[in-house]
């Protein structure tokens, strides 16, 4: 019987499949700005195409996640506790799930958007995607960190990257607050139910950065325990 490719991945490092999953998550997140650009330009065809791409990419990420869970060794000789790896995986998965939620709402319900919100919305989306990329950079460093026994310069570099991730997430919090205030200042120009949905969307956009930061924070705790 042929071995799963995940068996080979884990033979080299428990982090290889985690990295593969995160790459799929980032592919999904990288399509989110396209959604909002299409919305701002009132291009429904582009909006639907971006939504379909996100759904397909999220499905790819789910397949990797399910394979990873199935083949993650239960051995006591893993360099990191299995539960810790599964927690990081769930946080990575939540990033892709949130991108899918955003895409689904934008397509299923027409969303009015006043012109004054275009630029701050675009900036919020951009910085939240930046946060996801920063968490991806951290994940990509794990193999080298493992090779160095979770010590040395590599450990310090990873911790610095996680600190920068926290700084970016703080910035997204502030951008989200400002955009929410702008929404409420202009709510008379939109239907009340649309204002409610926009409030939800702003929360979900911020959640992209929140889950990215949680990936970093979980890894910081793993390092602190070693």
N, C-alpha and C. Protein backbone atom coordinates (compact mmCIF):
# COMPACT_ATOMS: atom_id res chain seq x y z
N UNK A 1 0.84 -1.19 0.00
CA UNK A 1 0.00 0.00 0.00
C UNK A 1 0.88 1.24 0.00
N UNK A 2 0.56 2.19 -0.89
CA UNK A 2 1.37 3.41 -1.01
C UNK A 2 1.22 4.27 0.23
N UNK A 3 2.33 4.85 0.64
CA UNK A 3 2.30 5.73 1.80
C UNK A 3 1.73 7.09 1.43
N UNK A 4 1.00 7.70 2.34
CA UNK A 4 0.52 9.06 2.14
C UNK A 4 1.70 10.01 2.04
N UNK A 5 1.62 11.04 1.20
CA UNK A 5 2.70 12.03 1.17
C UNK A 5 2.91 12.68 2.53
N UNK A 6 1.89 12.69 3.36
CA UNK A 6 2.04 13.28 4.69
C UNK A 6 2.93 12.42 5.58
N UNK A 7 2.97 11.11 5.32
CA UNK A 7 3.88 10.25 6.07
C UNK A 7 5.31 10.67 5.80
N UNK A 8 5.63 10.94 4.53
CA UNK A 8 6.97 11.39 4.18
C UNK A 8 7.26 12.76 4.77
N UNK A 9 6.27 13.62 4.77
CA UNK A 9 6.45 14.95 5.35
C UNK A 9 6.82 14.84 6.83
N UNK A 10 6.09 14.04 7.55
CA UNK A 10 6.34 13.92 8.98
C UNK A 10 7.63 13.18 9.26
N UNK A 11 8.08 12.37 8.27
CA UNK A 11 9.36 11.71 8.46
C UNK A 11 10.49 12.71 8.55
N UNK A 12 10.35 13.85 7.89
CA UNK A 12 11.39 14.88 7.93
C UNK A 12 11.16 15.87 9.06
N UNK A 13 9.93 16.26 9.26
CA UNK A 13 9.64 17.28 10.27
C UNK A 13 8.14 17.34 10.49
N UNK A 14 7.70 17.51 11.74
CA UNK A 14 6.26 17.66 11.99
C UNK A 14 5.72 18.97 11.48
N UNK A 15 6.61 19.87 11.09
CA UNK A 15 6.17 21.20 10.66
C UNK A 15 5.91 21.29 9.16
N UNK A 16 6.38 20.31 8.39
CA UNK A 16 6.25 20.41 6.94
C UNK A 16 4.79 20.54 6.50
N UNK A 17 3.93 19.68 7.05
CA UNK A 17 2.52 19.73 6.67
C UNK A 17 1.84 20.98 7.21
N UNK A 18 2.28 21.46 8.39
CA UNK A 18 1.76 22.71 8.92
C UNK A 18 2.06 23.86 7.97
N UNK A 19 3.27 23.85 7.43
CA UNK A 19 3.66 24.89 6.48
C UNK A 19 2.87 24.78 5.19
N UNK A 20 2.64 23.55 4.73
CA UNK A 20 1.85 23.36 3.52
C UNK A 20 0.43 23.88 3.71
N UNK A 21 -0.15 23.61 4.88
CA UNK A 21 -1.49 24.11 5.16
C UNK A 21 -1.52 25.63 5.20
N UNK A 22 -0.51 26.24 5.83
CA UNK A 22 -0.49 27.70 5.94
C UNK A 22 -0.34 28.34 4.56
N UNK A 23 0.40 27.72 3.67
CA UNK A 23 0.52 28.25 2.31
C UNK A 23 -0.84 28.26 1.62
N UNK A 24 -1.63 27.21 1.83
CA UNK A 24 -2.97 27.17 1.25
C UNK A 24 -3.86 28.24 1.86
N UNK A 25 -3.72 28.47 3.16
CA UNK A 25 -4.48 29.51 3.84
C UNK A 25 -4.14 30.88 3.27
N UNK A 26 -2.85 31.13 3.04
CA UNK A 26 -2.42 32.42 2.50
C UNK A 26 -2.94 32.62 1.08
N UNK A 27 -2.96 31.57 0.28
CA UNK A 27 -3.55 31.68 -1.06
C UNK A 27 -5.00 32.16 -0.97
N UNK A 28 -5.70 31.64 0.02
CA UNK A 28 -7.10 32.02 0.24
C UNK A 28 -7.20 33.49 0.66
N UNK A 29 -6.39 33.89 1.63
CA UNK A 29 -6.42 35.26 2.15
C UNK A 29 -6.03 36.27 1.08
N UNK A 30 -5.09 35.91 0.22
CA UNK A 30 -4.61 36.84 -0.79
C UNK A 30 -5.69 37.23 -1.81
N UNK A 31 -6.79 36.50 -1.83
CA UNK A 31 -7.89 36.83 -2.73
C UNK A 31 -8.88 37.80 -2.09
N UNK A 32 -8.81 37.98 -0.78
CA UNK A 32 -9.76 38.86 -0.08
C UNK A 32 -9.71 40.30 -0.59
N UNK A 33 -8.53 40.91 -0.81
CA UNK A 33 -8.53 42.28 -1.34
C UNK A 33 -9.26 42.41 -2.68
N UNK A 34 -9.22 41.37 -3.49
CA UNK A 34 -9.92 41.38 -4.76
C UNK A 34 -11.42 41.53 -4.55
N UNK A 35 -11.95 40.91 -3.51
CA UNK A 35 -13.38 41.04 -3.19
C UNK A 35 -13.77 42.50 -2.99
N UNK A 36 -12.99 43.18 -2.16
CA UNK A 36 -13.36 44.54 -1.80
C UNK A 36 -13.04 45.54 -2.91
N UNK A 37 -12.03 45.25 -3.70
CA UNK A 37 -11.76 46.10 -4.87
C UNK A 37 -12.93 45.99 -5.85
N UNK A 38 -13.42 44.78 -6.07
CA UNK A 38 -14.56 44.59 -6.96
C UNK A 38 -15.81 45.27 -6.40
N UNK A 39 -15.99 45.20 -5.08
CA UNK A 39 -17.14 45.83 -4.45
C UNK A 39 -17.08 47.35 -4.62
N UNK A 40 -15.92 47.92 -4.36
CA UNK A 40 -15.77 49.38 -4.47
C UNK A 40 -16.01 49.86 -5.90
N UNK A 41 -15.67 49.01 -6.88
CA UNK A 41 -15.83 49.37 -8.28
C UNK A 41 -17.15 48.87 -8.86
N UNK A 42 -18.00 48.31 -7.98
CA UNK A 42 -19.31 47.81 -8.39
C UNK A 42 -19.21 46.81 -9.54
N UNK A 43 -18.23 45.92 -9.44
CA UNK A 43 -18.00 44.91 -10.47
C UNK A 43 -18.44 43.56 -9.92
N UNK A 44 -19.71 43.24 -10.13
CA UNK A 44 -20.27 42.03 -9.53
C UNK A 44 -19.64 40.77 -10.10
N UNK A 45 -19.31 40.76 -11.38
CA UNK A 45 -18.71 39.57 -11.98
C UNK A 45 -17.36 39.25 -11.33
N UNK A 46 -16.55 40.28 -11.10
CA UNK A 46 -15.27 40.08 -10.42
C UNK A 46 -15.48 39.63 -8.97
N UNK A 47 -16.49 40.18 -8.35
CA UNK A 47 -16.79 39.82 -6.97
C UNK A 47 -17.13 38.33 -6.87
N UNK A 48 -17.98 37.86 -7.76
CA UNK A 48 -18.37 36.45 -7.76
C UNK A 48 -17.17 35.56 -8.08
N UNK A 49 -16.34 35.99 -9.03
CA UNK A 49 -15.16 35.19 -9.39
C UNK A 49 -14.21 35.07 -8.21
N UNK A 50 -14.03 36.17 -7.47
CA UNK A 50 -13.15 36.14 -6.30
C UNK A 50 -13.74 35.24 -5.21
N UNK A 51 -15.07 35.32 -5.05
CA UNK A 51 -15.72 34.46 -4.05
C UNK A 51 -15.53 33.00 -4.39
N UNK A 52 -15.70 32.64 -5.65
CA UNK A 52 -15.56 31.25 -6.06
C UNK A 52 -14.13 30.76 -5.86
N UNK A 53 -13.17 31.65 -6.12
CA UNK A 53 -11.76 31.28 -5.91
C UNK A 53 -11.49 31.04 -4.42
N UNK A 54 -12.00 31.91 -3.57
CA UNK A 54 -11.79 31.74 -2.13
C UNK A 54 -12.41 30.44 -1.65
N UNK A 55 -13.61 30.13 -2.11
CA UNK A 55 -14.26 28.89 -1.68
C UNK A 55 -13.44 27.67 -2.12
N UNK A 56 -12.90 27.71 -3.34
CA UNK A 56 -12.10 26.59 -3.83
C UNK A 56 -10.80 26.45 -3.04
N UNK A 57 -10.16 27.58 -2.75
CA UNK A 57 -8.91 27.56 -2.00
C UNK A 57 -9.13 27.12 -0.55
N UNK A 58 -10.24 27.55 0.03
CA UNK A 58 -10.56 27.13 1.40
C UNK A 58 -10.80 25.63 1.44
N UNK A 59 -11.41 25.09 0.40
CA UNK A 59 -11.62 23.65 0.32
C UNK A 59 -10.28 22.91 0.23
N UNK A 60 -9.35 23.47 -0.54
CA UNK A 60 -8.01 22.88 -0.62
C UNK A 60 -7.34 22.87 0.76
N UNK A 61 -7.46 24.00 1.47
CA UNK A 61 -6.87 24.08 2.81
C UNK A 61 -7.50 23.06 3.75
N UNK A 62 -8.82 22.87 3.65
CA UNK A 62 -9.51 21.89 4.49
C UNK A 62 -9.01 20.48 4.23
N UNK A 63 -8.75 20.16 2.97
CA UNK A 63 -8.26 18.82 2.65
C UNK A 63 -6.90 18.58 3.28
N UNK A 64 -6.03 19.59 3.23
CA UNK A 64 -4.72 19.46 3.85
C UNK A 64 -4.87 19.32 5.36
N UNK A 65 -5.76 20.14 5.93
CA UNK A 65 -6.00 20.09 7.38
C UNK A 65 -6.46 18.69 7.80
N UNK A 66 -7.40 18.12 7.07
CA UNK A 66 -7.93 16.81 7.44
C UNK A 66 -6.86 15.72 7.32
N UNK A 67 -6.05 15.80 6.26
CA UNK A 67 -4.96 14.85 6.11
C UNK A 67 -3.95 15.00 7.24
N UNK A 68 -3.67 16.24 7.60
CA UNK A 68 -2.70 16.51 8.66
C UNK A 68 -3.18 15.92 9.98
N UNK A 69 -4.45 16.16 10.31
CA UNK A 69 -4.99 15.62 11.56
C UNK A 69 -4.93 14.10 11.58
N UNK A 70 -5.20 13.50 10.43
CA UNK A 70 -5.24 12.04 10.37
C UNK A 70 -3.86 11.43 10.54
N UNK A 71 -2.83 12.10 10.01
CA UNK A 71 -1.51 11.51 9.98
C UNK A 71 -0.53 12.09 11.00
N UNK A 72 -0.98 13.06 11.80
CA UNK A 72 -0.09 13.63 12.80
C UNK A 72 0.26 12.54 13.81
N UNK A 73 1.53 12.23 13.97
CA UNK A 73 1.92 11.12 14.86
C UNK A 73 1.49 11.37 16.31
N UNK A 74 1.20 10.28 16.99
CA UNK A 74 0.89 10.36 18.41
C UNK A 74 2.12 10.03 19.26
N UNK A 75 3.26 9.94 18.62
CA UNK A 75 4.50 9.55 19.30
C UNK A 75 4.89 10.56 20.38
N UNK A 76 5.44 10.04 21.45
CA UNK A 76 5.95 10.90 22.52
C UNK A 76 7.23 11.61 22.10
N UNK A 77 7.78 11.22 20.93
CA UNK A 77 9.06 11.77 20.51
C UNK A 77 8.92 12.96 19.57
N UNK A 78 7.70 13.46 19.37
CA UNK A 78 7.53 14.69 18.62
C UNK A 78 8.26 15.83 19.33
N UNK A 79 8.90 16.72 18.58
CA UNK A 79 9.63 17.82 19.23
C UNK A 79 8.71 18.85 19.87
N UNK A 80 7.45 18.85 19.47
CA UNK A 80 6.45 19.76 20.04
C UNK A 80 5.22 18.94 20.39
N UNK A 81 4.56 19.27 21.49
CA UNK A 81 3.37 18.53 21.90
C UNK A 81 2.33 18.51 20.79
N UNK A 82 1.75 17.34 20.57
CA UNK A 82 0.75 17.17 19.51
C UNK A 82 -0.41 18.14 19.67
N UNK A 83 -0.85 18.36 20.91
CA UNK A 83 -1.96 19.27 21.16
C UNK A 83 -1.62 20.69 20.75
N UNK A 84 -0.37 21.08 20.97
CA UNK A 84 0.06 22.42 20.56
C UNK A 84 0.00 22.58 19.04
N UNK A 85 0.46 21.56 18.34
CA UNK A 85 0.42 21.61 16.88
C UNK A 85 -1.02 21.69 16.37
N UNK A 86 -1.91 20.92 16.99
CA UNK A 86 -3.31 20.94 16.56
C UNK A 86 -3.96 22.29 16.86
N UNK A 87 -3.57 22.93 17.95
CA UNK A 87 -4.11 24.27 18.25
C UNK A 87 -3.66 25.28 17.21
N UNK A 88 -2.38 25.23 16.83
CA UNK A 88 -1.89 26.14 15.79
C UNK A 88 -2.62 25.87 14.48
N UNK A 89 -2.81 24.60 14.16
CA UNK A 89 -3.53 24.24 12.94
C UNK A 89 -4.94 24.81 12.94
N UNK A 90 -5.65 24.72 14.06
CA UNK A 90 -7.01 25.24 14.15
C UNK A 90 -7.03 26.75 13.94
N UNK A 91 -6.04 27.45 14.46
CA UNK A 91 -5.98 28.90 14.28
C UNK A 91 -5.69 29.26 12.83
N UNK A 92 -4.78 28.51 12.21
CA UNK A 92 -4.54 28.72 10.78
C UNK A 92 -5.82 28.49 9.98
N UNK A 93 -6.52 27.42 10.33
CA UNK A 93 -7.75 27.08 9.62
C UNK A 93 -8.81 28.17 9.79
N UNK A 94 -8.85 28.80 10.96
CA UNK A 94 -9.83 29.86 11.22
C UNK A 94 -9.61 31.07 10.31
N UNK A 95 -8.37 31.30 9.91
CA UNK A 95 -8.09 32.39 8.97
C UNK A 95 -8.80 32.13 7.65
N UNK A 96 -8.64 30.93 7.11
CA UNK A 96 -9.29 30.59 5.84
C UNK A 96 -10.81 30.57 5.98
N UNK A 97 -11.30 30.05 7.09
CA UNK A 97 -12.75 30.03 7.32
C UNK A 97 -13.33 31.45 7.33
N UNK A 98 -12.60 32.38 7.94
CA UNK A 98 -13.07 33.76 8.01
C UNK A 98 -13.09 34.39 6.63
N UNK A 99 -12.05 34.13 5.83
CA UNK A 99 -12.04 34.64 4.46
C UNK A 99 -13.25 34.12 3.69
N UNK A 100 -13.60 32.86 3.91
CA UNK A 100 -14.77 32.28 3.24
C UNK A 100 -16.06 32.95 3.72
N UNK A 101 -16.17 33.22 5.01
CA UNK A 101 -17.36 33.90 5.54
C UNK A 101 -17.52 35.29 4.91
N UNK A 102 -16.42 36.01 4.81
CA UNK A 102 -16.45 37.35 4.22
C UNK A 102 -16.93 37.27 2.77
N UNK A 103 -16.34 36.35 2.02
CA UNK A 103 -16.69 36.21 0.61
C UNK A 103 -18.16 35.82 0.44
N UNK A 104 -18.63 34.91 1.28
CA UNK A 104 -20.01 34.47 1.17
C UNK A 104 -21.00 35.59 1.41
N UNK A 105 -20.76 36.40 2.44
CA UNK A 105 -21.68 37.49 2.74
C UNK A 105 -21.68 38.55 1.65
N UNK A 106 -20.51 38.88 1.13
CA UNK A 106 -20.43 39.93 0.11
C UNK A 106 -21.17 39.54 -1.16
N UNK A 107 -21.22 38.25 -1.46
CA UNK A 107 -21.91 37.81 -2.68
C UNK A 107 -23.39 37.56 -2.41
N UNK A 108 -23.71 36.98 -1.27
CA UNK A 108 -25.10 36.61 -1.00
C UNK A 108 -25.98 37.81 -0.73
N UNK A 109 -25.41 38.90 -0.22
CA UNK A 109 -26.22 40.08 0.06
C UNK A 109 -25.58 41.32 -0.55
N UNK A 110 -26.30 42.03 -1.42
CA UNK A 110 -25.76 43.28 -1.97
C UNK A 110 -25.44 44.25 -0.84
N UNK A 111 -24.23 44.80 -0.87
CA UNK A 111 -23.77 45.67 0.20
C UNK A 111 -23.53 47.09 -0.32
N UNK A 112 -24.32 48.03 0.18
CA UNK A 112 -24.09 49.43 -0.15
C UNK A 112 -22.79 49.88 0.54
N UNK A 113 -22.07 50.77 -0.12
CA UNK A 113 -20.82 51.27 0.45
C UNK A 113 -20.64 52.73 0.05
N UNK A 114 -20.65 53.62 1.04
CA UNK A 114 -20.48 55.04 0.74
C UNK A 114 -19.04 55.30 0.34
N UNK A 115 -18.85 56.26 -0.56
CA UNK A 115 -17.53 56.52 -1.13
C UNK A 115 -16.46 56.81 -0.07
N UNK A 116 -16.84 57.49 0.99
CA UNK A 116 -15.87 57.89 1.99
C UNK A 116 -15.26 56.69 2.73
N UNK A 117 -15.91 55.53 2.62
CA UNK A 117 -15.39 54.34 3.30
C UNK A 117 -14.41 53.55 2.44
N UNK A 118 -14.32 53.85 1.16
CA UNK A 118 -13.50 53.04 0.25
C UNK A 118 -12.04 52.95 0.71
N UNK A 119 -11.40 54.10 0.88
CA UNK A 119 -9.97 54.11 1.21
C UNK A 119 -9.67 53.47 2.57
N UNK A 120 -10.37 53.84 3.65
CA UNK A 120 -10.07 53.20 4.93
C UNK A 120 -10.40 51.71 4.95
N UNK A 121 -11.41 51.29 4.19
CA UNK A 121 -11.72 49.86 4.10
C UNK A 121 -10.58 49.12 3.41
N UNK A 122 -10.09 49.69 2.32
CA UNK A 122 -8.99 49.07 1.60
C UNK A 122 -7.75 48.96 2.48
N UNK A 123 -7.47 50.00 3.27
CA UNK A 123 -6.31 49.98 4.16
C UNK A 123 -6.46 48.93 5.25
N UNK A 124 -7.65 48.81 5.82
CA UNK A 124 -7.88 47.79 6.84
C UNK A 124 -7.65 46.40 6.27
N UNK A 125 -8.21 46.13 5.11
CA UNK A 125 -8.05 44.82 4.48
C UNK A 125 -6.57 44.55 4.22
N UNK A 126 -5.87 45.54 3.71
CA UNK A 126 -4.46 45.37 3.38
C UNK A 126 -3.64 45.00 4.61
N UNK A 127 -3.86 45.71 5.71
CA UNK A 127 -3.06 45.45 6.92
C UNK A 127 -3.43 44.11 7.56
N UNK A 128 -4.69 43.72 7.46
CA UNK A 128 -5.06 42.40 7.99
C UNK A 128 -4.42 41.29 7.18
N UNK A 129 -4.34 41.48 5.87
CA UNK A 129 -3.63 40.51 5.03
C UNK A 129 -2.15 40.51 5.38
N UNK A 130 -1.59 41.70 5.65
CA UNK A 130 -0.19 41.77 6.09
C UNK A 130 0.05 40.95 7.35
N UNK A 131 -0.89 41.02 8.28
CA UNK A 131 -0.76 40.24 9.52
C UNK A 131 -0.73 38.74 9.21
N UNK A 132 -1.57 38.31 8.30
CA UNK A 132 -1.59 36.89 7.92
C UNK A 132 -0.26 36.48 7.29
N UNK A 133 0.30 37.35 6.47
CA UNK A 133 1.60 37.05 5.86
C UNK A 133 2.70 37.00 6.91
N UNK A 134 2.60 37.84 7.92
CA UNK A 134 3.61 37.81 8.98
C UNK A 134 3.54 36.49 9.76
N UNK A 135 2.34 36.02 10.03
CA UNK A 135 2.22 34.72 10.71
C UNK A 135 2.74 33.60 9.81
N UNK A 136 2.54 33.74 8.51
CA UNK A 136 3.07 32.76 7.56
C UNK A 136 4.59 32.74 7.62
N UNK A 137 5.22 33.91 7.71
CA UNK A 137 6.68 33.97 7.81
C UNK A 137 7.17 33.23 9.06
N UNK A 138 6.44 33.39 10.14
CA UNK A 138 6.82 32.70 11.37
C UNK A 138 6.76 31.19 11.17
N UNK A 139 5.67 30.71 10.59
CA UNK A 139 5.50 29.27 10.36
C UNK A 139 6.62 28.73 9.47
N UNK A 140 7.02 29.51 8.47
CA UNK A 140 8.06 29.05 7.55
C UNK A 140 9.43 28.95 8.22
N UNK A 141 9.59 29.58 9.37
CA UNK A 141 10.86 29.53 10.09
C UNK A 141 10.97 28.32 11.02
N UNK A 142 9.90 27.57 11.18
CA UNK A 142 9.88 26.52 12.20
C UNK A 142 10.85 25.39 11.92
N UNK A 143 11.05 25.05 10.66
CA UNK A 143 12.00 23.98 10.34
C UNK A 143 13.41 24.33 10.80
N UNK A 144 13.82 25.56 10.47
CA UNK A 144 15.16 25.99 10.87
C UNK A 144 15.27 26.07 12.39
N UNK A 145 14.19 26.51 13.02
CA UNK A 145 14.18 26.59 14.48
C UNK A 145 14.34 25.20 15.08
N UNK A 146 13.66 24.22 14.49
CA UNK A 146 13.76 22.83 14.97
C UNK A 146 15.19 22.31 14.82
N UNK A 147 15.81 22.60 13.67
CA UNK A 147 17.17 22.14 13.43
C UNK A 147 18.15 22.71 14.46
N UNK A 148 17.87 23.92 14.94
CA UNK A 148 18.76 24.55 15.91
C UNK A 148 18.35 24.25 17.36
N UNK A 149 17.44 23.29 17.52
CA UNK A 149 17.04 22.90 18.86
C UNK A 149 16.26 23.97 19.60
N UNK A 150 15.52 24.79 18.85
CA UNK A 150 14.69 25.86 19.40
C UNK A 150 15.52 26.88 20.19
N UNK A 151 16.76 27.06 19.79
CA UNK A 151 17.61 28.02 20.48
C UNK A 151 18.38 28.89 19.52
N UNK A 152 19.35 29.61 20.07
CA UNK A 152 20.25 30.42 19.26
C UNK A 152 19.59 31.62 18.63
N UNK A 153 20.24 32.14 17.59
CA UNK A 153 19.76 33.33 16.90
C UNK A 153 18.38 33.11 16.29
N UNK A 154 18.13 31.90 15.80
CA UNK A 154 16.85 31.62 15.16
C UNK A 154 15.69 31.83 16.12
N UNK A 155 15.87 31.42 17.36
CA UNK A 155 14.83 31.62 18.36
C UNK A 155 14.53 33.10 18.55
N UNK A 156 15.58 33.90 18.68
CA UNK A 156 15.39 35.34 18.83
C UNK A 156 14.73 35.96 17.62
N UNK A 157 15.12 35.49 16.42
CA UNK A 157 14.52 36.03 15.19
C UNK A 157 13.03 35.74 15.14
N UNK A 158 12.64 34.52 15.50
CA UNK A 158 11.23 34.14 15.48
C UNK A 158 10.44 34.96 16.50
N UNK A 159 11.00 35.14 17.67
CA UNK A 159 10.31 35.94 18.69
C UNK A 159 10.15 37.39 18.23
N UNK A 160 11.15 37.92 17.55
CA UNK A 160 11.04 39.27 17.00
C UNK A 160 9.93 39.34 15.94
N UNK A 161 9.83 38.31 15.13
CA UNK A 161 8.78 38.27 14.11
C UNK A 161 7.39 38.21 14.76
N UNK A 162 7.28 37.46 15.84
CA UNK A 162 6.00 37.38 16.54
C UNK A 162 5.64 38.73 17.17
N UNK A 163 6.65 39.42 17.70
CA UNK A 163 6.41 40.75 18.26
C UNK A 163 5.93 41.71 17.18
N UNK A 164 6.55 41.64 16.00
CA UNK A 164 6.11 42.48 14.89
C UNK A 164 4.68 42.14 14.46
N UNK A 165 4.36 40.86 14.50
CA UNK A 165 2.99 40.43 14.20
C UNK A 165 2.00 41.09 15.15
N UNK A 166 2.34 41.13 16.44
CA UNK A 166 1.48 41.78 17.42
C UNK A 166 1.32 43.26 17.13
N UNK A 167 2.40 43.90 16.68
CA UNK A 167 2.32 45.33 16.36
C UNK A 167 1.38 45.58 15.18
N UNK A 168 1.47 44.71 14.17
CA UNK A 168 0.59 44.85 13.01
C UNK A 168 -0.87 44.65 13.43
N UNK A 169 -1.10 43.64 14.28
CA UNK A 169 -2.47 43.38 14.71
C UNK A 169 -3.03 44.56 15.51
N UNK A 170 -2.19 45.19 16.33
CA UNK A 170 -2.64 46.38 17.05
C UNK A 170 -3.06 47.48 16.07
N UNK A 171 -2.29 47.61 15.01
CA UNK A 171 -2.62 48.61 14.00
C UNK A 171 -3.97 48.30 13.34
N UNK A 172 -4.22 47.03 13.07
CA UNK A 172 -5.51 46.67 12.46
C UNK A 172 -6.66 46.95 13.41
N UNK A 173 -6.44 46.77 14.71
CA UNK A 173 -7.48 47.11 15.69
C UNK A 173 -7.85 48.58 15.57
N UNK A 174 -6.85 49.44 15.50
CA UNK A 174 -7.10 50.88 15.40
C UNK A 174 -7.79 51.24 14.10
N UNK A 175 -7.36 50.60 13.01
CA UNK A 175 -8.00 50.86 11.72
C UNK A 175 -9.46 50.40 11.74
N UNK A 176 -9.73 49.28 12.37
CA UNK A 176 -11.10 48.78 12.48
C UNK A 176 -11.98 49.69 13.29
N UNK A 177 -11.44 50.23 14.37
CA UNK A 177 -12.20 51.17 15.21
C UNK A 177 -12.55 52.43 14.42
N UNK A 178 -11.56 52.95 13.69
CA UNK A 178 -11.80 54.17 12.90
C UNK A 178 -12.82 53.92 11.79
N UNK A 179 -12.75 52.75 11.16
CA UNK A 179 -13.70 52.44 10.10
C UNK A 179 -15.11 52.27 10.67
N UNK A 180 -15.22 51.67 11.82
CA UNK A 180 -16.52 51.52 12.47
C UNK A 180 -17.12 52.88 12.82
N UNK A 181 -16.30 53.77 13.33
CA UNK A 181 -16.78 55.13 13.63
C UNK A 181 -17.25 55.83 12.36
N UNK A 182 -16.51 55.64 11.28
CA UNK A 182 -16.89 56.23 10.00
C UNK A 182 -18.21 55.64 9.50
N UNK A 183 -18.37 54.35 9.69
CA UNK A 183 -19.63 53.70 9.33
C UNK A 183 -20.80 54.34 10.06
N UNK A 184 -20.66 54.53 11.36
CA UNK A 184 -21.76 55.08 12.14
C UNK A 184 -22.02 56.56 11.82
N UNK A 185 -20.96 57.26 11.44
CA UNK A 185 -21.15 58.67 11.05
C UNK A 185 -21.93 58.80 9.74
N UNK A 186 -21.89 57.75 8.93
CA UNK A 186 -22.54 57.80 7.63
C UNK A 186 -23.71 56.81 7.52
N UNK A 187 -24.20 56.35 8.66
CA UNK A 187 -25.23 55.31 8.62
C UNK A 187 -26.54 55.79 8.01
N UNK A 188 -26.79 57.10 8.05
CA UNK A 188 -28.03 57.62 7.46
C UNK A 188 -28.06 57.43 5.95
N UNK A 189 -26.93 57.20 5.34
CA UNK A 189 -26.87 57.01 3.89
C UNK A 189 -27.08 55.56 3.47
N UNK A 190 -27.27 54.68 4.45
CA UNK A 190 -27.44 53.25 4.17
C UNK A 190 -28.67 52.72 4.88
N UNK A 191 -29.16 51.61 4.40
CA UNK A 191 -30.26 50.94 5.07
C UNK A 191 -29.77 50.43 6.44
N UNK A 192 -30.61 50.48 7.45
CA UNK A 192 -30.18 50.03 8.79
C UNK A 192 -29.62 48.62 8.80
N UNK A 193 -30.24 47.71 8.05
CA UNK A 193 -29.74 46.33 8.06
C UNK A 193 -28.37 46.25 7.41
N UNK A 194 -28.12 47.12 6.43
CA UNK A 194 -26.80 47.15 5.78
C UNK A 194 -25.74 47.60 6.77
N UNK A 195 -26.07 48.56 7.61
CA UNK A 195 -25.13 49.02 8.63
C UNK A 195 -24.76 47.86 9.56
N UNK A 196 -25.74 47.06 9.92
CA UNK A 196 -25.49 45.91 10.79
C UNK A 196 -24.54 44.92 10.12
N UNK A 197 -24.80 44.66 8.82
CA UNK A 197 -23.94 43.72 8.11
C UNK A 197 -22.53 44.27 7.94
N UNK A 198 -22.40 45.58 7.72
CA UNK A 198 -21.07 46.17 7.62
C UNK A 198 -20.32 46.08 8.94
N UNK A 199 -21.03 46.26 10.02
CA UNK A 199 -20.40 46.12 11.34
C UNK A 199 -19.85 44.70 11.49
N UNK A 200 -20.64 43.72 11.05
CA UNK A 200 -20.18 42.33 11.10
C UNK A 200 -18.98 42.10 10.20
N UNK A 201 -19.02 42.67 8.99
CA UNK A 201 -17.91 42.49 8.05
C UNK A 201 -16.62 43.09 8.58
N UNK A 202 -16.71 44.27 9.18
CA UNK A 202 -15.52 44.90 9.74
C UNK A 202 -14.93 44.01 10.84
N UNK A 203 -15.81 43.40 11.64
CA UNK A 203 -15.34 42.47 12.67
C UNK A 203 -14.63 41.28 12.04
N UNK A 204 -15.21 40.73 10.99
CA UNK A 204 -14.60 39.56 10.34
C UNK A 204 -13.27 39.91 9.69
N UNK A 205 -13.19 41.08 9.07
CA UNK A 205 -11.90 41.48 8.48
C UNK A 205 -10.84 41.55 9.58
N UNK A 206 -11.19 42.15 10.70
CA UNK A 206 -10.27 42.21 11.83
C UNK A 206 -9.91 40.84 12.36
N UNK A 207 -10.85 39.90 12.26
CA UNK A 207 -10.59 38.54 12.75
C UNK A 207 -9.45 37.87 11.98
N UNK A 208 -9.26 38.24 10.71
CA UNK A 208 -8.14 37.68 9.95
C UNK A 208 -6.82 37.96 10.69
N UNK A 209 -6.65 39.22 11.12
CA UNK A 209 -5.44 39.59 11.86
C UNK A 209 -5.43 38.98 13.26
N UNK A 210 -6.60 38.89 13.89
CA UNK A 210 -6.68 38.31 15.23
C UNK A 210 -6.21 36.85 15.23
N UNK A 211 -6.70 36.07 14.27
CA UNK A 211 -6.30 34.67 14.22
C UNK A 211 -4.83 34.53 13.85
N UNK A 212 -4.35 35.42 12.98
CA UNK A 212 -2.93 35.41 12.63
C UNK A 212 -2.09 35.66 13.87
N UNK A 213 -2.50 36.62 14.70
CA UNK A 213 -1.76 36.91 15.92
C UNK A 213 -1.82 35.72 16.88
N UNK A 214 -2.96 35.03 16.93
CA UNK A 214 -3.08 33.87 17.81
C UNK A 214 -2.12 32.76 17.41
N UNK A 215 -1.88 32.62 16.10
CA UNK A 215 -0.86 31.66 15.65
C UNK A 215 0.48 32.01 16.27
N UNK A 216 0.84 33.29 16.17
CA UNK A 216 2.11 33.72 16.74
C UNK A 216 2.17 33.56 18.25
N UNK A 217 1.10 33.93 18.93
CA UNK A 217 1.09 33.83 20.40
C UNK A 217 1.19 32.39 20.88
N UNK A 218 0.54 31.49 20.15
CA UNK A 218 0.63 30.07 20.53
C UNK A 218 2.06 29.57 20.38
N UNK A 219 2.71 30.00 19.30
CA UNK A 219 4.10 29.59 19.08
C UNK A 219 5.03 30.22 20.12
N UNK A 220 4.71 31.43 20.55
CA UNK A 220 5.52 32.06 21.61
C UNK A 220 5.44 31.23 22.90
N UNK A 221 4.24 30.76 23.21
CA UNK A 221 4.06 29.92 24.41
C UNK A 221 4.81 28.61 24.27
N UNK A 222 4.81 28.03 23.06
CA UNK A 222 5.55 26.79 22.83
C UNK A 222 7.04 27.02 23.09
N UNK A 223 7.56 28.14 22.58
CA UNK A 223 8.97 28.45 22.78
C UNK A 223 9.28 28.70 24.24
N UNK A 224 8.37 29.38 24.92
CA UNK A 224 8.60 29.70 26.33
C UNK A 224 8.67 28.44 27.20
N UNK A 225 8.01 27.37 26.75
CA UNK A 225 7.97 26.13 27.53
C UNK A 225 9.19 25.25 27.29
N UNK A 226 10.06 25.68 26.37
CA UNK A 226 11.20 24.84 26.03
C UNK A 226 12.49 25.33 26.70
